Protein backbone atom coordinates (compact mmCIF):
# COMPACT_ATOMS: atom_id res chain seq x y z
CA MET A 1 34.10 32.28 -0.64
CA SER A 2 32.32 35.66 -0.17
CA TYR A 3 29.54 36.13 2.23
CA ARG A 4 27.19 37.10 -0.77
CA LYS A 5 28.10 33.83 -2.45
CA SER A 6 27.45 31.82 0.65
CA LEU A 7 24.14 33.27 1.04
CA VAL A 8 23.18 32.86 -2.55
CA THR A 9 24.07 29.14 -2.01
CA ALA A 10 22.05 28.80 0.98
CA LEU A 11 19.25 29.97 -0.92
CA LEU A 12 19.40 27.84 -3.78
CA ALA A 13 20.70 24.77 -2.29
CA PRO A 14 17.18 23.49 -0.94
CA ILE A 15 15.41 23.97 -4.28
CA ILE A 16 18.25 22.34 -6.29
CA ALA A 17 18.18 19.59 -3.72
CA LEU A 18 14.31 19.18 -4.44
CA GLY A 19 15.15 19.08 -8.12
CA ALA A 20 17.07 15.87 -7.42
CA GLY A 21 14.27 14.07 -5.87
CA ALA A 22 11.39 15.88 -4.20
CA VAL A 23 8.13 14.28 -5.29
CA ALA A 24 5.04 12.43 -4.36
CA THR A 25 5.49 8.71 -4.14
CA VAL A 26 3.18 5.93 -5.04
CA HIS A 27 3.61 2.34 -3.41
CA ALA A 28 7.38 2.65 -2.84
CA ALA A 29 9.24 4.70 -0.25
CA GLY A 30 11.07 8.05 -0.98
CA TYR A 31 10.08 9.01 -4.47
CA ALA A 32 10.04 5.68 -6.23
CA VAL A 33 6.97 4.75 -8.48
CA PHE A 34 5.63 1.05 -8.78
CA THR A 35 2.66 1.52 -11.02
CA HIS A 36 3.94 -0.08 -14.11
CA GLY A 37 0.91 -2.35 -15.27
CA ALA A 38 -2.77 -2.48 -14.56
CA SER A 39 -2.72 -6.29 -13.94
CA ALA A 40 0.23 -5.88 -11.44
CA LEU A 41 -1.56 -3.03 -9.66
CA GLY A 42 -4.63 -5.11 -9.27
CA GLN A 43 -2.56 -7.77 -7.57
CA GLY A 44 -0.74 -5.47 -5.17
CA ASN A 45 2.39 -5.71 -7.37
CA ALA A 46 2.90 -9.31 -6.06
CA VAL A 47 3.99 -10.48 -9.50
CA THR A 48 7.73 -11.30 -9.13
CA ALA A 49 7.29 -15.09 -9.18
CA HIS A 50 4.58 -15.04 -11.75
CA SER A 51 3.24 -12.85 -14.74
CA SER A 52 1.21 -13.20 -17.77
CA ASP A 53 1.86 -9.95 -19.64
CA PRO A 54 4.90 -7.93 -20.83
CA SER A 55 4.89 -5.67 -17.74
CA THR A 56 7.02 -8.28 -16.24
CA ILE A 57 10.01 -6.52 -17.90
CA PHE A 58 9.79 -4.16 -14.88
CA TYR A 59 8.94 -6.60 -12.18
CA ASN A 60 10.91 -9.62 -13.22
CA PRO A 61 12.33 -9.80 -16.73
CA ALA A 62 13.27 -13.50 -16.25
CA LEU A 63 9.61 -14.30 -16.63
CA ILE A 64 9.33 -13.03 -20.20
CA ASN A 65 10.31 -16.65 -21.31
CA LYS A 66 6.80 -17.65 -20.37
CA LEU A 67 5.18 -15.19 -22.90
CA GLU A 68 4.75 -16.85 -26.27
CA GLY A 69 5.40 -15.18 -29.70
CA THR A 70 5.58 -11.41 -30.01
CA GLN A 71 3.62 -9.20 -27.51
CA PHE A 72 3.01 -5.43 -27.12
CA GLN A 73 1.43 -3.51 -24.18
CA ILE A 74 0.77 0.14 -23.54
CA GLY A 75 -0.72 1.55 -20.34
CA THR A 76 -1.19 4.43 -18.00
CA THR A 77 -2.10 5.07 -14.43
CA ALA A 78 -4.28 8.18 -13.39
CA ILE A 79 -3.03 9.16 -9.89
CA PHE A 80 -5.30 11.64 -7.74
CA SER A 81 -3.30 12.63 -4.78
CA SER A 82 -4.11 14.94 -1.92
CA ARG A 83 -2.52 16.19 1.08
CA GLU A 84 -3.58 18.16 4.14
CA PHE A 85 -1.58 20.18 6.63
CA GLU A 86 -2.61 21.42 10.14
CA SER A 87 0.01 23.90 11.61
CA SER A 88 1.30 23.20 15.05
CA GLN A 89 1.93 26.99 15.44
CA ALA A 90 -1.42 28.76 14.75
CA GLY A 91 -3.68 25.76 14.26
CA GLY A 92 -4.39 26.82 10.72
CA THR A 93 -4.88 24.17 8.04
CA SER A 94 -3.88 24.07 4.10
CA ALA A 95 -4.55 21.52 1.41
CA SER A 96 -2.47 20.75 -1.58
CA ASN A 97 -3.98 21.74 -5.01
CA ASP A 98 -5.73 18.94 -6.96
CA SER A 99 -3.32 17.35 -9.30
CA VAL A 100 -3.55 14.33 -11.70
CA PHE A 101 -0.54 12.48 -12.87
CA PHE A 102 -0.29 9.90 -15.60
CA PRO A 103 2.92 7.73 -15.38
CA SER A 104 2.67 5.64 -18.64
CA THR A 105 4.41 2.48 -19.92
CA PHE A 106 5.14 0.66 -23.16
CA TYR A 107 6.50 -2.94 -23.26
CA ALA A 108 7.39 -5.31 -26.13
CA THR A 109 8.60 -8.92 -25.85
CA HIS A 110 9.62 -11.55 -28.47
CA LYS A 111 10.30 -15.25 -27.79
CA PHE A 112 13.02 -16.43 -30.25
CA ASN A 113 12.98 -20.01 -29.07
CA ASP A 114 12.63 -22.00 -25.91
CA GLN A 115 15.71 -20.70 -24.45
CA VAL A 116 15.96 -17.05 -25.60
CA SER A 117 13.50 -14.08 -25.22
CA ALA A 118 14.04 -10.32 -25.35
CA GLY A 119 12.07 -7.27 -24.44
CA LEU A 120 12.02 -3.55 -24.29
CA GLY A 121 10.30 -1.44 -21.43
CA ILE A 122 9.84 2.25 -21.29
CA PHE A 123 8.35 3.54 -17.83
CA SER A 124 8.77 6.07 -15.18
CA PRO A 125 10.55 4.58 -12.05
CA PHE A 126 10.65 7.83 -10.20
CA GLY A 127 8.52 10.77 -10.07
CA LEU A 128 5.24 12.69 -9.80
CA GLY A 129 4.82 15.85 -7.77
CA THR A 130 3.07 18.13 -5.20
CA GLU A 131 1.56 21.56 -5.48
CA TRP A 132 0.59 23.82 -2.69
CA ASP A 133 -1.03 27.21 -2.72
CA GLU A 134 1.47 30.14 -3.08
CA ASN A 135 0.40 31.50 0.21
CA TRP A 136 0.45 28.61 2.33
CA ASP A 137 2.56 28.41 5.65
CA GLY A 138 5.31 26.27 4.02
CA ARG A 139 5.65 28.51 0.71
CA TYR A 140 9.30 29.09 1.73
CA LEU A 141 9.91 25.37 1.52
CA ALA A 142 7.98 24.36 -1.62
CA THR A 143 4.99 25.48 -3.72
CA GLU A 144 5.28 23.16 -6.52
CA SER A 145 7.52 20.20 -6.93
CA LYS A 146 7.44 18.12 -10.27
CA LEU A 147 9.84 15.42 -11.39
CA LYS A 148 9.76 13.06 -14.50
CA THR A 149 11.97 10.11 -15.15
CA PHE A 150 11.89 7.84 -18.15
CA ASN A 151 13.66 4.48 -18.10
CA ILE A 152 14.53 2.90 -21.38
CA ASN A 153 15.13 -0.71 -20.41
CA PRO A 154 16.18 -3.50 -22.94
CA VAL A 155 16.32 -7.01 -21.56
CA VAL A 156 17.37 -10.44 -22.55
CA SER A 157 16.23 -13.66 -20.74
CA TYR A 158 17.81 -17.12 -21.07
CA ARG A 159 16.19 -20.34 -19.79
CA ILE A 160 18.96 -22.48 -18.31
CA THR A 161 16.81 -25.56 -17.72
CA PRO A 162 13.06 -25.99 -17.97
CA SER A 163 12.56 -24.83 -14.46
CA LEU A 164 15.18 -21.96 -14.15
CA ALA A 165 15.36 -18.74 -16.24
CA VAL A 166 17.52 -15.71 -15.71
CA ALA A 167 17.64 -12.14 -17.24
CA ALA A 168 19.81 -9.03 -17.49
CA GLY A 169 19.09 -5.62 -18.87
CA VAL A 170 20.28 -1.99 -19.19
CA ASP A 171 18.55 0.97 -17.44
CA VAL A 172 18.85 4.26 -19.24
CA VAL A 173 17.33 6.97 -17.14
CA LEU A 174 16.34 10.42 -18.27
CA LEU A 175 15.38 12.82 -15.51
CA ASP A 176 13.68 16.28 -15.73
CA ALA A 177 12.70 18.39 -12.80
CA THR A 178 10.84 21.77 -12.16
CA LEU A 179 10.64 22.98 -8.68
CA GLU A 180 9.22 26.21 -7.16
CA LYS A 181 9.10 27.96 -3.90
CA LYS A 182 9.05 31.41 -2.27
CA VAL A 183 11.88 33.42 -0.62
CA GLN A 184 11.38 36.24 1.72
CA SER A 185 12.65 39.66 0.41
CA ALA A 186 13.91 40.40 3.94
CA THR A 187 16.26 37.44 3.58
CA LEU A 188 17.33 38.67 0.14
CA ALA A 189 18.15 41.95 1.74
CA LEU A 190 20.84 40.17 3.70
CA LEU A 191 22.69 40.15 0.32
CA GLY A 192 23.23 43.84 0.67
CA LEU A 193 20.46 44.65 -1.85
CA PRO A 194 17.85 47.43 -1.09
CA PHE A 195 14.80 45.17 -0.66
CA PRO A 196 12.08 45.97 1.85
CA GLY A 197 10.61 43.30 3.87
CA GLY A 198 7.22 41.70 3.55
CA ILE A 199 7.34 40.74 -0.18
CA ASP A 200 7.57 37.15 -1.41
CA VAL A 201 9.95 36.47 -4.27
CA GLY A 202 9.49 33.55 -6.46
CA GLN A 203 12.21 31.12 -7.07
CA LYS A 204 12.12 28.33 -9.58
CA PHE A 205 14.57 25.56 -10.63
CA GLU A 206 14.53 23.59 -13.77
CA GLY A 207 17.16 20.90 -14.41
CA ASP A 208 17.63 17.56 -16.20
CA GLY A 209 20.14 14.71 -16.38
CA THR A 210 20.87 11.22 -17.49
CA GLY A 211 22.16 7.97 -15.74
CA VAL A 212 22.76 4.40 -16.60
CA GLY A 213 22.40 1.32 -14.54
CA PHE A 214 21.33 -2.40 -14.98
CA ASN A 215 18.83 -4.78 -13.76
CA LEU A 216 18.72 -8.65 -13.17
CA GLY A 217 16.08 -11.20 -12.65
CA VAL A 218 15.75 -14.91 -11.86
CA ALA A 219 12.62 -17.12 -11.91
CA TYR A 220 12.45 -20.84 -10.63
CA ASP A 221 9.68 -23.31 -10.86
CA VAL A 222 9.90 -25.51 -7.76
CA CYS A 223 7.00 -27.72 -8.96
CA ASP A 224 3.87 -27.25 -10.90
CA HIS A 225 2.41 -25.38 -7.91
CA LEU A 226 5.05 -23.23 -6.55
CA SER A 227 7.24 -20.71 -8.19
CA LEU A 228 9.96 -18.33 -6.92
CA GLY A 229 11.31 -15.17 -8.43
CA ALA A 230 13.63 -12.30 -7.58
CA SER A 231 14.56 -9.03 -9.38
CA TYR A 232 17.21 -6.47 -8.69
CA ARG A 233 17.82 -2.88 -10.25
CA SER A 234 21.15 -1.34 -9.53
CA GLU A 235 21.66 2.28 -8.25
CA VAL A 236 21.74 4.88 -10.98
CA LYS A 237 23.76 7.99 -10.58
CA VAL A 238 22.42 11.01 -12.37
CA ASP A 239 24.26 14.22 -13.02
CA VAL A 240 21.66 17.02 -12.87
CA SER A 241 22.28 20.44 -14.23
CA GLY A 242 19.99 23.51 -14.47
CA ASP A 243 19.08 27.12 -13.79
CA ALA A 244 17.58 28.67 -10.73
CA THR A 245 15.76 31.91 -11.35
CA PHE A 246 14.08 34.66 -9.13
CA SER A 247 11.08 36.62 -10.13
CA SER A 248 9.07 39.52 -8.73
CA ALA A 249 6.69 42.09 -10.04
CA VAL A 250 8.17 44.91 -7.77
CA LEU A 251 11.86 43.92 -7.11
CA PRO A 252 14.94 43.62 -9.47
CA VAL A 253 15.82 40.25 -8.54
CA THR A 254 17.09 38.72 -11.76
CA ALA A 255 20.69 39.45 -10.91
CA LEU A 256 20.38 36.64 -8.38
CA ASN A 257 19.77 34.00 -11.14
CA SER A 258 22.27 31.22 -11.25
CA GLY A 259 22.97 27.90 -12.83
CA GLY A 260 23.65 24.87 -10.75
CA LYS A 261 24.90 21.29 -10.86
CA THR A 262 24.42 18.29 -8.49
CA ASP A 263 24.27 14.57 -8.81
CA ILE A 264 21.72 12.09 -7.29
CA THR A 265 22.05 8.32 -6.83
CA LEU A 266 18.71 6.75 -7.47
CA PRO A 267 18.57 3.77 -5.03
CA PRO A 268 19.13 -0.12 -5.70
CA GLN A 269 15.86 -1.96 -5.50
CA PHE A 270 15.37 -5.66 -4.82
CA THR A 271 12.09 -7.69 -4.87
CA ALA A 272 11.48 -11.36 -4.14
CA GLY A 273 8.33 -13.53 -4.17
CA ALA A 274 6.78 -16.86 -3.99
CA ALA A 275 3.60 -17.88 -6.10
CA PHE A 276 1.45 -20.80 -5.20
CA LYS A 277 -0.97 -22.17 -7.90
CA GLY A 278 -2.18 -25.35 -6.04
CA ILE A 279 -5.83 -24.28 -5.90
CA ASP A 280 -7.89 -24.55 -9.07
CA LYS A 281 -8.07 -21.25 -10.95
CA LEU A 282 -6.33 -19.33 -8.23
CA THR A 283 -2.73 -17.87 -8.08
CA LEU A 284 -1.49 -16.40 -4.80
CA GLU A 285 1.79 -14.57 -4.33
CA ALA A 286 3.50 -13.08 -1.27
CA GLY A 287 6.55 -10.83 -1.81
CA LEU A 288 8.95 -8.37 -0.20
CA ARG A 289 10.60 -5.26 -1.49
CA TRP A 290 13.95 -3.40 -0.38
CA GLU A 291 15.13 -0.01 -1.44
CA GLY A 292 18.70 1.21 -0.68
CA TRP A 293 17.72 5.02 0.23
CA SER A 294 20.54 5.04 2.88
CA LYS A 295 22.77 6.05 0.02
CA PHE A 296 21.01 9.32 -0.07
CA LYS A 297 22.90 10.86 2.90
CA GLU A 298 23.51 14.49 1.61
CA LEU A 299 23.32 16.53 -1.47
CA ALA A 300 26.25 18.75 -2.56
CA ILE A 301 25.47 21.71 -4.93
CA ASN A 302 27.88 23.58 -7.07
CA LEU A 303 26.72 26.81 -8.49
CA ASP A 304 28.09 28.72 -11.45
CA ASN A 305 29.08 31.63 -9.35
CA GLY A 306 31.73 29.36 -7.67
CA SER A 307 30.05 28.75 -4.51
CA SER A 308 28.93 25.33 -3.12
CA SER A 309 26.81 23.82 -0.43
CA VAL A 310 25.89 20.46 1.38
CA THR A 311 22.32 19.67 2.39
CA PRO A 312 21.69 16.72 4.84
CA ARG A 313 19.24 14.14 3.84
CA SER A 314 20.11 11.08 5.92
CA TRP A 315 17.50 8.85 4.40
CA LYS A 316 17.25 5.25 5.34
CA ASP A 317 16.63 1.99 3.55
CA SER A 318 13.09 1.02 3.29
CA TRP A 319 11.16 -2.29 3.23
CA GLY A 320 7.87 -3.33 1.88
CA LEU A 321 5.38 -6.32 1.77
CA ASN A 322 3.12 -7.44 -1.11
CA LEU A 323 0.15 -9.83 -1.01
CA GLY A 324 -1.82 -10.60 -4.14
CA GLY A 325 -4.21 -13.01 -5.86
CA LYS A 326 -5.57 -13.75 -9.22
CA TYR A 327 -8.78 -15.94 -9.77
CA GLN A 328 -9.43 -17.05 -13.48
CA VAL A 329 -13.13 -17.03 -13.64
CA ASN A 330 -13.00 -18.38 -17.24
CA ASP A 331 -10.97 -18.29 -20.29
CA THR A 332 -11.78 -14.51 -20.84
CA ALA A 333 -11.86 -12.86 -17.29
CA ALA A 334 -9.93 -12.97 -14.24
CA LEU A 335 -10.51 -11.12 -10.83
CA LEU A 336 -7.55 -9.45 -9.03
CA ALA A 337 -6.93 -8.28 -5.52
CA GLY A 338 -3.88 -7.17 -3.56
CA TYR A 339 -2.46 -5.21 -0.55
CA VAL A 340 0.76 -3.29 -0.25
CA PHE A 341 2.57 -2.09 2.91
CA GLY A 342 5.71 -0.07 2.93
CA THR A 343 7.92 1.78 5.36
CA SER A 344 9.12 5.33 5.07
CA ALA A 345 12.74 6.30 3.86
CA VAL A 346 12.58 9.91 5.22
CA PRO A 347 13.54 10.43 8.76
CA ASP A 348 11.84 13.02 11.04
CA SER A 349 14.98 15.10 11.02
CA THR A 350 14.72 15.91 7.27
CA PHE A 351 11.08 15.36 6.56
CA ASP A 352 9.65 18.37 4.44
CA PRO A 353 6.39 19.01 2.68
CA SER A 354 7.67 18.45 -0.77
CA ILE A 355 8.09 14.66 -0.16
CA PRO A 356 4.83 13.10 1.50
CA ASP A 357 6.81 9.99 2.31
CA ALA A 358 5.26 7.88 5.23
CA LYS A 359 4.31 4.30 6.13
CA THR A 360 1.81 3.47 3.45
CA HIS A 361 -1.06 1.02 2.86
CA VAL A 362 -2.38 0.24 -0.58
CA PHE A 363 -5.55 -1.77 -1.22
CA CYS A 364 -5.98 -2.93 -4.82
CA VAL A 365 -8.65 -4.67 -7.00
CA GLY A 366 -8.85 -5.08 -10.70
CA THR A 367 -9.54 -7.55 -13.69
CA ASP A 368 -7.71 -9.09 -16.61
CA LEU A 369 -9.65 -9.61 -19.92
CA ASP A 370 -8.30 -11.76 -22.72
CA PHE A 371 -9.96 -11.20 -26.08
CA HIS A 372 -7.31 -12.93 -28.10
CA PRO A 373 -5.26 -11.48 -29.54
CA PHE A 374 -6.10 -8.34 -27.65
CA THR A 375 -5.80 -8.08 -23.86
CA VAL A 376 -7.19 -5.47 -21.36
CA ALA A 377 -6.50 -4.92 -17.78
CA ALA A 378 -8.06 -2.33 -15.49
CA SER A 379 -7.38 -1.87 -11.75
CA TYR A 380 -8.04 0.42 -8.81
CA GLY A 381 -5.89 1.11 -5.87
CA TYR A 382 -6.54 3.29 -2.77
CA GLN A 383 -3.18 4.34 -1.04
CA LEU A 384 -3.40 5.54 2.52
CA TYR A 385 -0.29 7.20 4.23
CA GLU A 386 -0.04 7.13 8.01
CA ASN A 387 -0.16 10.55 9.44
CA ARG A 388 3.13 12.34 9.65
CA THR A 389 4.33 15.26 12.03
CA LYS A 390 6.89 17.73 11.02
CA SER A 391 8.86 19.32 13.88
CA ASN A 392 12.33 20.48 12.36
CA ASN A 393 13.57 23.52 10.54
CA ILE A 394 15.10 21.77 7.71
CA ASP A 395 15.46 23.77 4.32
CA THR A 396 14.37 27.21 5.53
CA PHE A 397 16.82 30.18 5.47
CA PRO A 398 16.93 31.67 8.05
CA PRO A 399 15.32 28.56 9.90
CA THR A 400 12.33 29.57 11.96
CA ALA A 401 9.32 27.78 13.29
CA THR A 402 6.81 29.93 11.63
CA SER A 403 8.33 29.38 8.14
CA SER A 404 9.04 25.69 8.49
CA ALA A 405 5.37 24.51 8.18
CA ASN A 406 5.64 22.34 11.19
CA GLY A 407 2.50 20.41 12.00
CA LYS A 408 0.66 17.29 11.02
CA TYR A 409 0.43 15.97 7.42
CA GLU A 410 -2.27 13.70 6.15
CA SER A 411 -2.03 12.23 2.70
CA ASP A 412 -3.77 9.72 0.33
CA ALA A 413 -4.14 8.80 -3.35
CA HIS A 414 -6.50 7.17 -5.62
CA LEU A 415 -4.87 5.17 -8.65
CA VAL A 416 -6.92 4.03 -11.58
CA ALA A 417 -4.80 1.81 -14.22
CA LEU A 418 -5.62 0.62 -17.50
CA SER A 419 -3.35 -1.50 -19.94
CA MET A 420 -3.98 -2.76 -23.39
CA GLY A 421 -2.08 -5.45 -25.24
CA TYR A 422 -1.72 -7.33 -28.47
CA LYS A 423 -0.25 -10.87 -29.00
CA PHE A 424 0.75 -12.44 -32.30
């Protein structure tokens, strides 16, 4: 491999690596998203062992047997996220640009008989993004990172006994990413091009891909007051292909443009919960969540110019805890509350400003309203990330302390969810 090709690969690898999964996270670790229904959010997503609406296709499809007739639900969550950075080098501060994201959902279920029910869900299991000012300290790591995924998930549930139901489904995941950062012209000059120093060059990667996986669910009523549930989503390998382009108002950099390919394995996910209904009008659930991020050890990049590169990630499995409650005030209204805790999947050695992953706490409230045959759910969640300190030189070329955006990161998010349904 020529030195020129090696250097181009070193420049492109970090941004293509971002294309495979550098985004803001909500609830879950890494870059998973768990805002898939307003009622569930209001209960802290503690709905694996009980549910009353079609969003259970995501949380535990075995429970769709409990939904009568045919039901539809659409919904969205407005996510207002912010991040602040305090440099450990000069003491300067930066803040991410205000961004609002709207991961949305569609669900449909139909009960054929007492044994068989089927459903279809369309939702975004991974995604969101971060955006920083183009002149901030970490502009050579990331300025804008956006990723969208859409999961088309048909499921079938079968009731084995009056107390036990199982379910299985297929996950077809569509992924689209757009990532931007800056490159130092002095670094590009190492390619032998006559570039003067002191000029930032824009770099952008756009790519997409498709992967297929499966999901399983089980629900068991121990007695009238106690229910158990568990749900599993398999890993999904997505082949990502796209193009990295360079731009500058004063330098001829388009010759560096290159296509690139990689693959990313979206992690397996497991949730389990126990719901207690022994208090009049009140349902309580406690649950846990596991995500297999340890499969994301490295990212191999293959460029159209024949070069390749490997970027270390070394992520680790993450765990979470969900607690939630639903109080049925009357036949029309219910009050919801919940709490979520989650660990981080990203170790200190590969933490970077494009992925705001840290230990997280989410505090949730909401309401369910039933105006038969219409239903409405609304909820609010405040997500607080524990402070994170970056002290590595990951993904900068050449790596230097001043370009690595080392320092303290503070993040939080406000979530406002709304779902509307129809039953017949």
